[in-house]
C-alpha cells in the first residue's frame, strides 16, 4: 500500500520536473538511475531515500523541503473539497499554470481579476 507522504513527495517531484520542462529520462540520467525508477517515485510506488531526494532537489533546483510543502494542506483540501488535492499533477492544470506565468505581469493581473469575477458569477441553471 502506498504511504500518503510518498505519494505527495512523488507528486511534487513530478510537478517540479514538469514545470522545469525536464523529462523523466533527463532527471534519471542526472541522478544516475533509470527513468522507470523516476516513474515509481512519482506515483508513490517506491519511496525516495533521503540521499536520492537530495540529488533530485539539486537537479530540479529546489530545497528538499519543497517536496514536503503542502503536505498538511493536501489532506485538509481533500476533506473540504475546495480544490482537488492532485490538481498539480494534472497535465492540463500544469500547462495552464506555465502559460499563465508566461504572460506579462500587467496582463496576467487582468486575467487573474477576470478569472476571479467569473468564478463568483452565479451558475447557470
PDB file of N, CA and C in Angstrom:
ATOM      1  N   UNK A   1       0.837  -1.184   0.000  1.00  0.00           N
ATOM      2  CA  UNK A   1       0.000   0.000   0.000  1.00  0.00           C
ATOM      3  C   UNK A   1       0.887   1.255   0.000  1.00  0.00           C
ATOM      4  N   UNK A   2       0.492   2.247  -0.787  1.00  0.00           N
ATOM      5  CA  UNK A   2       1.256   3.484  -0.883  1.00  0.00           C
ATOM      6  C   UNK A   2       1.051   4.321   0.375  1.00  0.00           C
ATOM      7  N   UNK A   3       2.130   4.893   0.867  1.00  0.00           N
ATOM      8  CA  UNK A   3       2.039   5.800   2.003  1.00  0.00           C
ATOM      9  C   UNK A   3       1.711   7.196   1.476  1.00  0.00           C
ATOM     10  N   UNK A   4       0.788   7.921   2.113  1.00  0.00           N
ATOM     11  CA  UNK A   4       0.396   9.244   1.625  1.00  0.00           C
ATOM     12  C   UNK A   4       1.565  10.222   1.471  1.00  0.00           C
ATOM     13  N   UNK A   5       2.562  10.130   2.340  1.00  0.00           N
ATOM     14  CA  UNK A   5       3.721  11.024   2.228  1.00  0.00           C
ATOM     15  C   UNK A   5       4.507  10.697   0.965  1.00  0.00           C
ATOM     16  N   UNK A   6       4.684   9.422   0.658  1.00  0.00           N
ATOM     17  CA  UNK A   6       5.412   9.031  -0.555  1.00  0.00           C
ATOM     18  C   UNK A   6       4.673   9.498  -1.802  1.00  0.00           C
ATOM     19  N   UNK A   7       3.353   9.407  -1.775  1.00  0.00           N
ATOM     20  CA  UNK A   7       2.541   9.869  -2.907  1.00  0.00           C
ATOM     21  C   UNK A   7       2.694  11.375  -3.067  1.00  0.00           C
ATOM     22  N   UNK A   8       2.636  12.110  -1.956  1.00  0.00           N
ATOM     23  CA  UNK A   8       2.767  13.569  -2.011  1.00  0.00           C
ATOM     24  C   UNK A   8       4.142  13.974  -2.538  1.00  0.00           C
ATOM     25  N   UNK A   9       5.191  13.374  -2.014  1.00  0.00           N
ATOM     26  CA  UNK A   9       6.551  13.687  -2.474  1.00  0.00           C
ATOM     27  C   UNK A   9       6.681  13.371  -3.964  1.00  0.00           C
ATOM     28  N   UNK A  10       6.140  12.251  -4.390  1.00  0.00           N
ATOM     29  CA  UNK A  10       6.188  11.890  -5.804  1.00  0.00           C
ATOM     30  C   UNK A  10       5.474  12.898  -6.686  1.00  0.00           C
ATOM     31  N   UNK A  11       4.319  13.371  -6.227  1.00  0.00           N
ATOM     32  CA  UNK A  11       3.580  14.381  -6.985  1.00  0.00           C
ATOM     33  C   UNK A  11       4.374  15.674  -7.088  1.00  0.00           C
ATOM     34  N   UNK A  12       5.048  16.040  -5.999  1.00  0.00           N
ATOM     35  CA  UNK A  12       5.843  17.264  -6.011  1.00  0.00           C
ATOM     36  C   UNK A  12       7.065  17.112  -6.920  1.00  0.00           C
ATOM     37  N   UNK A  13       7.641  15.925  -6.988  1.00  0.00           N
ATOM     38  CA  UNK A  13       8.752  15.686  -7.922  1.00  0.00           C
ATOM     39  C   UNK A  13       8.240  15.886  -9.338  1.00  0.00           C
ATOM     40  N   UNK A  14       7.110  15.254  -9.642  1.00  0.00           N
ATOM     41  CA  UNK A  14       6.560  15.362 -10.991  1.00  0.00           C
ATOM     42  C   UNK A  14       6.219  16.809 -11.333  1.00  0.00           C
ATOM     43  N   UNK A  15       5.592  17.500 -10.388  1.00  0.00           N
ATOM     44  CA  UNK A  15       5.211  18.891 -10.614  1.00  0.00           C
ATOM     45  C   UNK A  15       6.433  19.744 -10.945  1.00  0.00           C
ATOM     46  N   UNK A  16       7.464  19.638 -10.133  1.00  0.00           N
ATOM     47  CA  UNK A  16       8.657  20.461 -10.345  1.00  0.00           C
ATOM     48  C   UNK A  16       9.371  20.069 -11.635  1.00  0.00           C
ATOM     49  N   UNK A  17       9.457  18.786 -11.897  1.00  0.00           N
ATOM     50  CA  UNK A  17      10.108  18.312 -13.120  1.00  0.00           C
ATOM     51  C   UNK A  17       9.374  18.862 -14.335  1.00  0.00           C
ATOM     52  N   UNK A  18       8.048  18.803 -14.284  1.00  0.00           N
ATOM     53  CA  UNK A  18       7.249  19.258 -15.416  1.00  0.00           C
ATOM     54  C   UNK A  18       7.364  20.768 -15.584  1.00  0.00           C
ATOM     55  N   UNK A  19       7.342  21.518 -14.479  1.00  0.00           N
ATOM     56  CA  UNK A  19       7.458  22.972 -14.541  1.00  0.00           C
ATOM     57  C   UNK A  19       8.819  23.386 -15.102  1.00  0.00           C
ATOM     58  N   UNK A  20       9.840  22.596 -14.843  1.00  0.00           N
ATOM     59  CA  UNK A  20      11.179  22.881 -15.382  1.00  0.00           C
ATOM     60  C   UNK A  20      11.314  22.453 -16.836  1.00  0.00           C
ATOM     61  N   UNK A  21      10.352  21.665 -17.328  1.00  0.00           N
ATOM     62  CA  UNK A  21      10.470  21.144 -18.681  1.00  0.00           C
ATOM     63  C   UNK A  21      11.472  20.005 -18.774  1.00  0.00           C
ATOM     64  N   UNK A  22      11.682  19.318 -17.666  1.00  0.00           N
ATOM     65  CA  UNK A  22      12.625  18.201 -17.597  1.00  0.00           C
ATOM     66  C   UNK A  22      11.870  16.899 -17.801  1.00  0.00           C
ATOM     67  N   UNK A  23      12.394  16.019 -18.624  1.00  0.00           N
ATOM     68  CA  UNK A  23      11.753  14.719 -18.826  1.00  0.00           C
ATOM     69  C   UNK A  23      12.176  13.759 -17.715  1.00  0.00           C
ATOM     70  N   UNK A  24      11.435  12.677 -17.598  1.00  0.00           N
ATOM     71  CA  UNK A  24      11.822  11.644 -16.633  1.00  0.00           C
ATOM     72  C   UNK A  24      13.207  11.096 -16.974  1.00  0.00           C
ATOM     73  N   UNK A  25      13.466  10.932 -18.254  1.00  0.00           N
ATOM     74  CA  UNK A  25      14.762  10.419 -18.703  1.00  0.00           C
ATOM     75  C   UNK A  25      15.895  11.358 -18.303  1.00  0.00           C
ATOM     76  N   UNK A  26      15.694  12.653 -18.510  1.00  0.00           N
ATOM     77  CA  UNK A  26      16.727  13.628 -18.166  1.00  0.00           C
ATOM     78  C   UNK A  26      16.997  13.649 -16.665  1.00  0.00           C
ATOM     79  N   UNK A  27      15.944  13.610 -15.880  1.00  0.00           N
ATOM     80  CA  UNK A  27      16.112  13.605 -14.431  1.00  0.00           C
ATOM     81  C   UNK A  27      16.822  12.335 -13.984  1.00  0.00           C
ATOM     82  N   UNK A  28      16.395  11.226 -14.538  1.00  0.00           N
ATOM     83  CA  UNK A  28      17.006   9.943 -14.175  1.00  0.00           C
ATOM     84  C   UNK A  28      18.496   9.937 -14.488  1.00  0.00           C
ATOM     85  N   UNK A  29      18.861  10.388 -15.670  1.00  0.00           N
ATOM     86  CA  UNK A  29      20.275  10.430 -16.052  1.00  0.00           C
ATOM     87  C   UNK A  29      21.075  11.345 -15.134  1.00  0.00           C
ATOM     88  N   UNK A  30      20.472  12.467 -14.750  1.00  0.00           N
ATOM     89  CA  UNK A  30      21.169  13.434 -13.899  1.00  0.00           C
ATOM     90  C   UNK A  30      21.444  12.887 -12.500  1.00  0.00           C
ATOM     91  N   UNK A  31      20.565  11.990 -12.025  1.00  0.00           N
ATOM     92  CA  UNK A  31      20.777  11.426 -10.686  1.00  0.00           C
ATOM     93  C   UNK A  31      21.337  10.007 -10.730  1.00  0.00           C
ATOM     94  N   UNK A  32      21.561   9.492 -11.935  1.00  0.00           N
ATOM     95  CA  UNK A  32      22.220   8.198 -12.084  1.00  0.00           C
ATOM     96  C   UNK A  32      21.342   6.982 -11.882  1.00  0.00           C
ATOM     97  N   UNK A  33      20.079   7.063 -12.299  1.00  0.00           N
ATOM     98  CA  UNK A  33      19.170   5.926 -12.194  1.00  0.00           C
ATOM     99  C   UNK A  33      18.405   5.757 -13.498  1.00  0.00           C
ATOM    100  N   UNK A  34      17.573   4.745 -13.586  1.00  0.00           N
ATOM    101  CA  UNK A  34      16.734   4.502 -14.769  1.00  0.00           C
ATOM    102  C   UNK A  34      15.458   5.326 -14.670  1.00  0.00           C
ATOM    103  N   UNK A  35      14.912   5.709 -15.830  1.00  0.00           N
ATOM    104  CA  UNK A  35      13.709   6.543 -15.816  1.00  0.00           C
ATOM    105  C   UNK A  35      12.526   5.812 -15.192  1.00  0.00           C
ATOM    106  N   UNK A  36      12.526   4.491 -15.235  1.00  0.00           N
ATOM    107  CA  UNK A  36      11.432   3.732 -14.625  1.00  0.00           C
ATOM    108  C   UNK A  36      11.381   3.984 -13.109  1.00  0.00           C
ATOM    109  N   UNK A  37      12.549   4.199 -12.531  1.00  0.00           N
ATOM    110  CA  UNK A  37      12.592   4.475 -11.095  1.00  0.00           C
ATOM    111  C   UNK A  37      11.950   5.833 -10.803  1.00  0.00           C
ATOM    112  N   UNK A  38      12.171   6.807 -11.672  1.00  0.00           N
ATOM    113  CA  UNK A  38      11.526   8.112 -11.516  1.00  0.00           C
ATOM    114  C   UNK A  38      10.008   7.931 -11.591  1.00  0.00           C
ATOM    115  N   UNK A  39       9.549   7.100 -12.534  1.00  0.00           N
ATOM    116  CA  UNK A  39       8.113   6.826 -12.644  1.00  0.00           C
ATOM    117  C   UNK A  39       7.572   6.273 -11.331  1.00  0.00           C
ATOM    118  N   UNK A  40       8.300   5.356 -10.737  1.00  0.00           N
ATOM    119  CA  UNK A  40       7.853   4.742  -9.487  1.00  0.00           C
ATOM    120  C   UNK A  40       7.850   5.754  -8.346  1.00  0.00           C
ATOM    121  N   UNK A  41       8.836   6.649  -8.319  1.00  0.00           N
ATOM    122  CA  UNK A  41       8.845   7.707  -7.302  1.00  0.00           C
ATOM    123  C   UNK A  41       7.632   8.613  -7.473  1.00  0.00           C
ATOM    124  N   UNK A  42       7.366   8.999  -8.720  1.00  0.00           N
ATOM    125  CA  UNK A  42       6.302   9.959  -8.988  1.00  0.00           C
ATOM    126  C   UNK A  42       4.911   9.407  -8.670  1.00  0.00           C
ATOM    127  N   UNK A  43       4.733   8.123  -8.749  1.00  0.00           N
ATOM    128  CA  UNK A  43       3.439   7.525  -8.417  1.00  0.00           C
ATOM    129  C   UNK A  43       3.349   7.127  -6.945  1.00  0.00           C
ATOM    130  N   UNK A  44       4.456   7.209  -6.231  1.00  0.00           N
ATOM    131  CA  UNK A  44       4.468   6.807  -4.833  1.00  0.00           C
ATOM    132  C   UNK A  44       4.637   5.317  -4.641  1.00  0.00           C
ATOM    133  N   UNK A  45       4.866   4.579  -5.726  1.00  0.00           N
ATOM    134  CA  UNK A  45       5.062   3.128  -5.612  1.00  0.00           C
ATOM    135  C   UNK A  45       6.355   2.812  -4.872  1.00  0.00           C
ATOM    136  N   UNK A  46       7.389   3.606  -5.103  1.00  0.00           N
ATOM    137  CA  UNK A  46       8.665   3.442  -4.405  1.00  0.00           C
ATOM    138  C   UNK A  46       8.955   4.679  -3.580  1.00  0.00           C
ATOM    139  N   UNK A  47       9.471   4.462  -2.409  1.00  0.00           N
ATOM    140  CA  UNK A  47       9.850   5.538  -1.507  1.00  0.00           C
ATOM    141  C   UNK A  47      11.208   6.089  -1.940  1.00  0.00           C
ATOM    142  N   UNK A  48      11.351   7.420  -1.896  1.00  0.00           N
ATOM    143  CA  UNK A  48      12.599   8.072  -2.266  1.00  0.00           C
ATOM    144  C   UNK A  48      13.476   8.165  -1.027  1.00  0.00           C
ATOM    145  N   UNK A  49      14.700   7.671  -1.121  1.00  0.00           N
ATOM    146  CA  UNK A  49      15.617   7.770   0.016  1.00  0.00           C
ATOM    147  C   UNK A  49      16.043   9.222   0.204  1.00  0.00           C
ATOM    148  N   UNK A  50      16.537   9.530   1.383  1.00  0.00           N
ATOM    149  CA  UNK A  50      16.963  10.900   1.696  1.00  0.00           C
ATOM    150  C   UNK A  50      18.061  11.366   0.744  1.00  0.00           C
ATOM    151  N   UNK A  51      19.044  10.507   0.489  1.00  0.00           N
ATOM    152  CA  UNK A  51      20.145  10.908  -0.396  1.00  0.00           C
ATOM    153  C   UNK A  51      19.673  11.099  -1.834  1.00  0.00           C
ATOM    154  N   UNK A  52      18.748  10.262  -2.283  1.00  0.00           N
ATOM    155  CA  UNK A  52      18.213  10.406  -3.640  1.00  0.00           C
ATOM    156  C   UNK A  52      17.360  11.661  -3.757  1.00  0.00           C
ATOM    157  N   UNK A  53      16.583  11.953  -2.717  1.00  0.00           N
ATOM    158  CA  UNK A  53      15.766  13.160  -2.721  1.00  0.00           C
ATOM    159  C   UNK A  53      16.656  14.402  -2.750  1.00  0.00           C
ATOM    160  N   UNK A  54      17.776  14.324  -2.059  1.00  0.00           N
ATOM    161  CA  UNK A  54      18.764  15.414  -2.072  1.00  0.00           C
ATOM    162  C   UNK A  54      19.275  15.638  -3.495  1.00  0.00           C
ATOM    163  N   UNK A  55      19.613  14.552  -4.174  1.00  0.00           N
ATOM    164  CA  UNK A  55      20.096  14.652  -5.554  1.00  0.00           C
ATOM    165  C   UNK A  55      19.024  15.218  -6.488  1.00  0.00           C
ATOM    166  N   UNK A  56      17.801  14.746  -6.332  1.00  0.00           N
ATOM    167  CA  UNK A  56      16.693  15.224  -7.169  1.00  0.00           C
ATOM    168  C   UNK A  56      16.456  16.709  -6.931  1.00  0.00           C
ATOM    169  N   UNK A  57      16.493  17.120  -5.671  1.00  0.00           N
ATOM    170  CA  UNK A  57      16.303  18.539  -5.337  1.00  0.00           C
ATOM    171  C   UNK A  57      17.383  19.395  -5.996  1.00  0.00           C
ATOM    172  N   UNK A  58      18.629  18.919  -5.979  1.00  0.00           N
ATOM    173  CA  UNK A  58      19.716  19.674  -6.603  1.00  0.00           C
ATOM    174  C   UNK A  58      19.521  19.796  -8.108  1.00  0.00           C
ATOM    175  N   UNK A  59      19.111  18.716  -8.759  1.00  0.00           N
ATOM    176  CA  UNK A  59      18.890  18.747 -10.205  1.00  0.00           C
ATOM    177  C   UNK A  59      17.729  19.669 -10.551  1.00  0.00           C
ATOM    178  N   UNK A  60      16.672  19.638  -9.743  1.00  0.00           N
ATOM    179  CA  UNK A  60      15.481  20.444 -10.021  1.00  0.00           C
ATOM    180  C   UNK A  60      15.559  21.842  -9.395  1.00  0.00           C
ATOM    181  N   UNK A  61      16.692  22.151  -8.795  1.00  0.00           N
ATOM    182  CA  UNK A  61      16.998  23.462  -8.183  1.00  0.00           C
ATOM    183  C   UNK A  61      15.932  23.942  -7.195  1.00  0.00           C
ATOM    184  N   UNK A  62      15.620  23.080  -6.254  1.00  0.00           N
ATOM    185  CA  UNK A  62      14.716  23.433  -5.158  1.00  0.00           C
ATOM    186  C   UNK A  62      15.305  22.879  -3.862  1.00  0.00           C
ATOM    187  N   UNK A  63      14.926  23.455  -2.717  1.00  0.00           N
ATOM    188  CA  UNK A  63      15.354  22.847  -1.451  1.00  0.00           C
ATOM    189  C   UNK A  63      14.588  21.545  -1.227  1.00  0.00           C
ATOM    190  N   UNK A  64      15.132  20.654  -0.466  1.00  0.00           N
ATOM    191  CA  UNK A  64      14.468  19.378  -0.182  1.00  0.00           C
ATOM    192  C   UNK A  64      13.092  19.623   0.428  1.00  0.00           C
ATOM    193  N   UNK A  65      12.971  20.671   1.212  1.00  0.00           N
ATOM    194  CA  UNK A  65      11.684  20.975   1.861  1.00  0.00           C
ATOM    195  C   UNK A  65      10.562  21.214   0.850  1.00  0.00           C
ATOM    196  N   UNK A  66      10.904  21.595  -0.384  1.00  0.00           N
ATOM    197  CA  UNK A  66       9.897  21.819  -1.429  1.00  0.00           C
ATOM    198  C   UNK A  66       8.992  20.604  -1.591  1.00  0.00           C
ATOM    199  N   UNK A  67       9.556  19.420  -1.491  1.00  0.00           N
ATOM    200  CA  UNK A  67       8.801  18.197  -1.741  1.00  0.00           C
ATOM    201  C   UNK A  67       7.789  17.881  -0.643  1.00  0.00           C
ATOM    202  N   UNK A  68       7.931  18.549   0.503  1.00  0.00           N
ATOM    203  CA  UNK A  68       7.026  18.322   1.621  1.00  0.00           C
ATOM    204  C   UNK A  68       6.026  19.461   1.806  1.00  0.00           C
ATOM    205  N   UNK A  69       6.215  20.548   1.054  1.00  0.00           N
ATOM    206  CA  UNK A  69       5.304  21.684   1.171  1.00  0.00           C
ATOM    207  C   UNK A  69       3.887  21.270   0.799  1.00  0.00           C
ATOM    208  N   UNK A  70       2.940  21.763   1.565  1.00  0.00           N
ATOM    209  CA  UNK A  70       1.532  21.478   1.297  1.00  0.00           C
ATOM    210  C   UNK A  70       1.072  20.116   1.758  1.00  0.00           C
ATOM    211  N   UNK A  71       1.915  19.381   2.428  1.00  0.00           N
ATOM    212  CA  UNK A  71       1.538  18.038   2.869  1.00  0.00           C
ATOM    213  C   UNK A  71       0.331  18.088   3.792  1.00  0.00           C
ATOM    214  N   UNK A  72       0.331  18.983   4.764  1.00  0.00           N
ATOM    215  CA  UNK A  72      -0.819  19.123   5.660  1.00  0.00           C
ATOM    216  C   UNK A  72      -2.008  19.714   4.921  1.00  0.00           C
ATOM    217  N   UNK A  73      -1.753  20.659   4.023  1.00  0.00           N
ATOM    218  CA  UNK A  73      -2.832  21.306   3.273  1.00  0.00           C
ATOM    219  C   UNK A  73      -3.548  20.337   2.349  1.00  0.00           C
ATOM    220  N   UNK A  74      -2.817  19.396   1.759  1.00  0.00           N
ATOM    221  CA  UNK A  74      -3.446  18.484   0.808  1.00  0.00           C
ATOM    222  C   UNK A  74      -4.505  17.621   1.491  1.00  0.00           C
ATOM    223  N   UNK A  75      -4.252  17.234   2.726  1.00  0.00           N
ATOM    224  CA  UNK A  75      -5.238  16.456   3.470  1.00  0.00           C
ATOM    225  C   UNK A  75      -6.454  17.323   3.807  1.00  0.00           C
ATOM    226  N   UNK A  76      -6.209  18.582   4.172  1.00  0.00           N
ATOM    227  CA  UNK A  76      -7.313  19.490   4.507  1.00  0.00           C
ATOM    228  C   UNK A  76      -8.156  19.783   3.270  1.00  0.00           C
ATOM    229  N   UNK A  77      -7.524  20.023   2.126  1.00  0.00           N
ATOM    230  CA  UNK A  77      -8.256  20.312   0.894  1.00  0.00           C
ATOM    231  C   UNK A  77      -9.084  19.118   0.462  1.00  0.00           C
ATOM    232  N   UNK A  78      -8.543  17.940   0.626  1.00  0.00           N
ATOM    233  CA  UNK A  78      -9.278  16.733   0.236  1.00  0.00           C
ATOM    234  C   UNK A  78     -10.558  16.596   1.065  1.00  0.00           C
ATOM    235  N   UNK A  79     -10.490  16.992   2.334  1.00  0.00           N
ATOM    236  CA  UNK A  79     -11.668  16.859   3.185  1.00  0.00           C
ATOM    237  C   UNK A  79     -12.689  17.967   2.948  1.00  0.00           C
ATOM    238  N   UNK A  80     -12.234  19.175   2.524  1.00  0.00           N
ATOM    239  CA  UNK A  80     -13.178  20.269   2.297  1.00  0.00           C
ATOM    240  C   UNK A  80     -13.719  20.276   0.884  1.00  0.00           C
ATOM    241  N   UNK A  81     -13.020  19.680  -0.059  1.00  0.00           N
ATOM    242  CA  UNK A  81     -13.469  19.629  -1.437  1.00  0.00           C
ATOM    243  C   UNK A  81     -13.239  20.916  -2.209  1.00  0.00           C
ATOM    244  N   UNK A  82     -12.444  21.853  -1.664  1.00  0.00           N
ATOM    245  CA  UNK A  82     -12.199  23.132  -2.340  1.00  0.00           C
ATOM    246  C   UNK A  82     -11.524  22.937  -3.691  1.00  0.00           C
ATOM    247  N   UNK A  83     -10.370  22.349  -3.679  1.00  0.00           N
ATOM    248  CA  UNK A  83      -9.581  22.125  -4.895  1.00  0.00           C
ATOM    249  C   UNK A  83      -9.123  20.683  -4.847  1.00  0.00           C
ATOM    250  N   UNK A  84      -9.181  19.972  -5.956  1.00  0.00           N
ATOM    251  CA  UNK A  84      -8.686  18.593  -5.925  1.00  0.00           C
ATOM    252  C   UNK A  84      -7.247  18.556  -5.408  1.00  0.00           C
ATOM    253  N   UNK A  85      -6.957  17.642  -4.505  1.00  0.00           N
ATOM    254  CA  UNK A  85      -5.625  17.585  -3.914  1.00  0.00           C
ATOM    255  C   UNK A  85      -4.562  17.208  -4.932  1.00  0.00           C
ATOM    256  N   UNK A  86      -4.964  16.645  -6.063  1.00  0.00           N
ATOM    257  CA  UNK A  86      -3.995  16.249  -7.077  1.00  0.00           C
ATOM    258  C   UNK A  86      -3.971  17.194  -8.270  1.00  0.00           C
ATOM    259  N   UNK A  87      -4.484  18.423  -8.095  1.00  0.00           N
ATOM    260  CA  UNK A  87      -4.582  19.351  -9.226  1.00  0.00           C
ATOM    261  C   UNK A  87      -3.208  19.629  -9.842  1.00  0.00           C
ATOM    262  N   UNK A  88      -2.154  19.634  -9.036  1.00  0.00           N
ATOM    263  CA  UNK A  88      -0.837  19.932  -9.578  1.00  0.00           C
ATOM    264  C   UNK A  88      -0.178  18.741 -10.259  1.00  0.00           C
ATOM    265  N   UNK A  89      -0.866  17.631 -10.309  1.00  0.00           N
ATOM    266  CA  UNK A  89      -0.348  16.502 -11.075  1.00  0.00           C
ATOM    267  C   UNK A  89      -1.085  16.384 -12.399  1.00  0.00           C
ATOM    268  N   UNK A  90      -2.104  17.197 -12.585  1.00  0.00           N
ATOM    269  CA  UNK A  90      -2.878  17.190 -13.818  1.00  0.00           C
ATOM    270  C   UNK A  90      -2.112  17.959 -14.889  1.00  0.00           C
ATOM    271  N   UNK A  91      -1.853  17.309 -16.021  1.00  0.00           N
ATOM    272  CA  UNK A  91      -1.059  17.921 -17.078  1.00  0.00           C
ATOM    273  C   UNK A  91      -1.675  19.222 -17.588  1.00  0.00           C
ATOM    274  N   UNK A  92      -2.990  19.225 -17.752  1.00  0.00           N
ATOM    275  CA  UNK A  92      -3.672  20.420 -18.245  1.00  0.00           C
ATOM    276  C   UNK A  92      -3.532  21.577 -17.254  1.00  0.00           C
ATOM    277  N   UNK A  93      -3.674  21.295 -15.963  1.00  0.00           N
ATOM    278  CA  UNK A  93      -3.542  22.340 -14.949  1.00  0.00           C
ATOM    279  C   UNK A  93      -2.120  22.889 -14.923  1.00  0.00           C
ATOM    280  N   UNK A  94      -1.131  22.018 -15.039  1.00  0.00           N
ATOM    281  CA  UNK A  94       0.254  22.481 -15.047  1.00  0.00           C
ATOM    282  C   UNK A  94       0.569  23.288 -16.299  1.00  0.00           C
ATOM    283  N   UNK A  95       0.016  22.888 -17.427  1.00  0.00           N
ATOM    284  CA  UNK A  95       0.221  23.642 -18.658  1.00  0.00           C
ATOM    285  C   UNK A  95      -0.427  25.021 -18.545  1.00  0.00           C
ATOM    286  N   UNK A  96      -1.609  25.068 -17.942  1.00  0.00           N
ATOM    287  CA  UNK A  96      -2.284  26.344 -17.725  1.00  0.00           C
ATOM    288  C   UNK A  96      -1.442  27.245 -16.815  1.00  0.00           C
ATOM    289  N   UNK A  97      -0.900  26.677 -15.769  1.00  0.00           N
ATOM    290  CA  UNK A  97      -0.065  27.433 -14.841  1.00  0.00           C
ATOM    291  C   UNK A  97       1.195  27.953 -15.533  1.00  0.00           C
ATOM    292  N   UNK A  98       1.830  27.105 -16.315  1.00  0.00           N
ATOM    293  CA  UNK A  98       3.030  27.518 -17.041  1.00  0.00           C
ATOM    294  C   UNK A  98       2.691  28.637 -18.030  1.00  0.00           C
ATOM    295  N   UNK A  99       1.590  28.509 -18.730  1.00  0.00           N
ATOM    296  CA  UNK A  99       1.170  29.540 -19.688  1.00  0.00           C
ATOM    297  C   UNK A  99       0.822  30.836 -18.971  1.00  0.00           C
ATOM    298  N   UNK A 100       0.164  30.723 -17.835  1.00  0.00           N
ATOM    299  CA  UNK A 100      -0.216  31.897 -17.047  1.00  0.00           C
ATOM    300  C   UNK A 100       1.014  32.718 -16.686  1.00  0.00           C
ATOM    301  N   UNK A 101       2.070  32.060 -16.226  1.00  0.00           N
ATOM    302  CA  UNK A 101       3.264  32.782 -15.812  1.00  0.00           C
ATOM    303  C   UNK A 101       4.107  33.253 -16.991  1.00  0.00           C
ATOM    304  N   UNK A 102       3.780  32.814 -18.184  1.00  0.00           N
ATOM    305  CA  UNK A 102       4.466  33.303 -19.374  1.00  0.00           C
ATOM    306  C   UNK A 102       3.860  34.621 -19.860  1.00  0.00           C
ATOM    307  N   UNK A 103       2.690  34.987 -19.353  1.00  0.00           N
ATOM    308  CA  UNK A 103       2.012  36.227 -19.724  1.00  0.00           C
ATOM    309  C   UNK A 103       2.680  37.383 -18.983  1.00  0.00           C
ATOM    310  N   UNK A 104       2.880  38.529 -19.654  1.00  0.00           N
ATOM    311  CA  UNK A 104       3.452  39.695 -18.961  1.00  0.00           C
ATOM    312  C   UNK A 104       2.627  40.048 -17.719  1.00  0.00           C
ATOM    313  N   UNK A 105       3.303  40.541 -16.692  1.00  0.00           N
ATOM    314  CA  UNK A 105       2.671  40.722 -15.383  1.00  0.00           C
ATOM    315  C   UNK A 105       1.413  41.584 -15.405  1.00  0.00           C
ATOM    316  N   UNK A 106       1.405  42.698 -16.140  1.00  0.00           N
ATOM    317  CA  UNK A 106       0.221  43.560 -16.134  1.00  0.00           C
ATOM    318  C   UNK A 106      -0.983  42.853 -16.775  1.00  0.00           C
ATOM    319  N   UNK A 107      -0.750  42.088 -17.835  1.00  0.00           N
ATOM    320  CA  UNK A 107      -1.837  41.326 -18.466  1.00  0.00           C
ATOM    321  C   UNK A 107      -2.252  40.151 -17.597  1.00  0.00           C
ATOM    322  N   UNK A 108      -1.276  39.539 -16.933  1.00  0.00           N
ATOM    323  CA  UNK A 108      -1.569  38.407 -16.052  1.00  0.00           C
ATOM    324  C   UNK A 108      -2.484  38.854 -14.914  1.00  0.00           C
ATOM    325  N   UNK A 109      -2.249  40.043 -14.383  1.00  0.00           N
ATOM    326  CA  UNK A 109      -3.088  40.561 -13.298  1.00  0.00           C
ATOM    327  C   UNK A 109      -4.527  40.754 -13.780  1.00  0.00           C
ATOM    328  N   UNK A 110      -4.689  41.265 -14.991  1.00  0.00           N
ATOM    329  CA  UNK A 110      -6.030  41.473 -15.541  1.00  0.00           C
ATOM    330  C   UNK A 110      -6.729  40.130 -15.758  1.00  0.00           C
ATOM    331  N   UNK A 111      -5.977  39.140 -16.237  1.00  0.00           N
ATOM    332  CA  UNK A 111      -6.546  37.813 -16.430  1.00  0.00           C
ATOM    333  C   UNK A 111      -6.972  37.212 -15.093  1.00  0.00           C
ATOM    334  N   UNK A 112      -6.148  37.398 -14.084  1.00  0.00           N
ATOM    335  CA  UNK A 112      -6.464  36.903 -12.745  1.00  0.00           C
ATOM    336  C   UNK A 112      -7.749  37.534 -12.226  1.00  0.00           C
ATOM    337  N   UNK A 113      -7.873  38.854 -12.390  1.00  0.00           N
ATOM    338  CA  UNK A 113      -9.084  39.552 -11.947  1.00  0.00           C
ATOM    339  C   UNK A 113     -10.317  39.030 -12.684  1.00  0.00           C
ATOM    340  N   UNK A 114     -10.181  38.800 -13.987  1.00  0.00           N
ATOM    341  CA  UNK A 114     -11.290  38.257 -14.779  1.00  0.00           C
ATOM    342  C   UNK A 114     -11.690  36.870 -14.270  1.00  0.00           C
ATOM    343  N   UNK A 115     -10.701  36.025 -14.020  1.00  0.00           N
ATOM    344  CA  UNK A 115     -10.993  34.673 -13.532  1.00  0.00           C
ATOM    345  C   UNK A 115     -11.709  34.733 -12.186  1.00  0.00           C
ATOM    346  N   UNK A 116     -11.300  35.634 -11.327  1.00  0.00           N
ATOM    347  CA  UNK A 116     -11.940  35.765 -10.018  1.00  0.00           C
ATOM    348  C   UNK A 116     -13.403  36.180 -10.190  1.00  0.00           C
ATOM    349  N   UNK A 117     -13.668  37.157 -11.061  1.00  0.00           N
ATOM    350  CA  UNK A 117     -15.035  37.601 -11.308  1.00  0.00           C
ATOM    351  C   UNK A 117     -15.873  36.468 -11.881  1.00  0.00           C
ATOM    352  N   UNK A 118     -15.321  35.741 -12.844  1.00  0.00           N
ATOM    353  CA  UNK A 118     -16.065  34.639 -13.473  1.00  0.00           C
ATOM    354  C   UNK A 118     -16.369  33.517 -12.468  1.00  0.00           C
ATOM    355  N   UNK A 119     -15.443  33.263 -11.560  1.00  0.00           N
ATOM    356  CA  UNK A 119     -15.672  32.193 -10.598  1.00  0.00           C
ATOM    357  C   UNK A 119     -16.739  32.558  -9.583  1.00  0.00           C
ATOM    358  N   UNK A 120     -16.989  33.853  -9.396  1.00  0.00           N
ATOM    359  CA  UNK A 120     -18.006  34.309  -8.457  1.00  0.00           C
ATOM    360  C   UNK A 120     -19.357  34.514  -9.114  1.00  0.00           C
ATOM    361  N   UNK A 121     -19.399  34.413 -10.457  1.00  0.00           N
ATOM    362  CA  UNK A 121     -20.660  34.611 -11.193  1.00  0.00           C
ATOM    363  C   UNK A 121     -21.639  33.517 -10.817  1.00  0.00           C
ATOM    364  N   UNK A 122     -22.944  33.860 -10.771  1.00  0.00           N
ATOM    365  CA  UNK A 122     -23.952  32.825 -10.474  1.00  0.00           C
ATOM    366  C   UNK A 122     -23.915  31.735 -11.532  1.00  0.00           C
ATOM    367  N   UNK A 123     -24.109  30.533 -11.115  1.00  0.00           N
ATOM    368  CA  UNK A 123     -24.100  29.387 -12.024  1.00  0.00           C
ATOM    369  C   UNK A 123     -25.408  29.335 -12.805  1.00  0.00           C
ATOM    370  N   UNK A 124     -25.287  29.023 -14.089  1.00  0.00           N
ATOM    371  CA  UNK A 124     -26.489  28.893 -14.930  1.00  0.00           C
ATOM    372  C   UNK A 124     -27.236  27.611 -14.555  1.00  0.00           C
ATOM    373  N   UNK A 125     -28.534  27.690 -14.586  1.00  0.00           N
ATOM    374  CA  UNK A 125     -29.344  26.522 -14.186  1.00  0.00           C
ATOM    375  C   UNK A 125     -29.489  25.545 -15.317  1.00  0.00           C
TER     376      UNK A 125
END
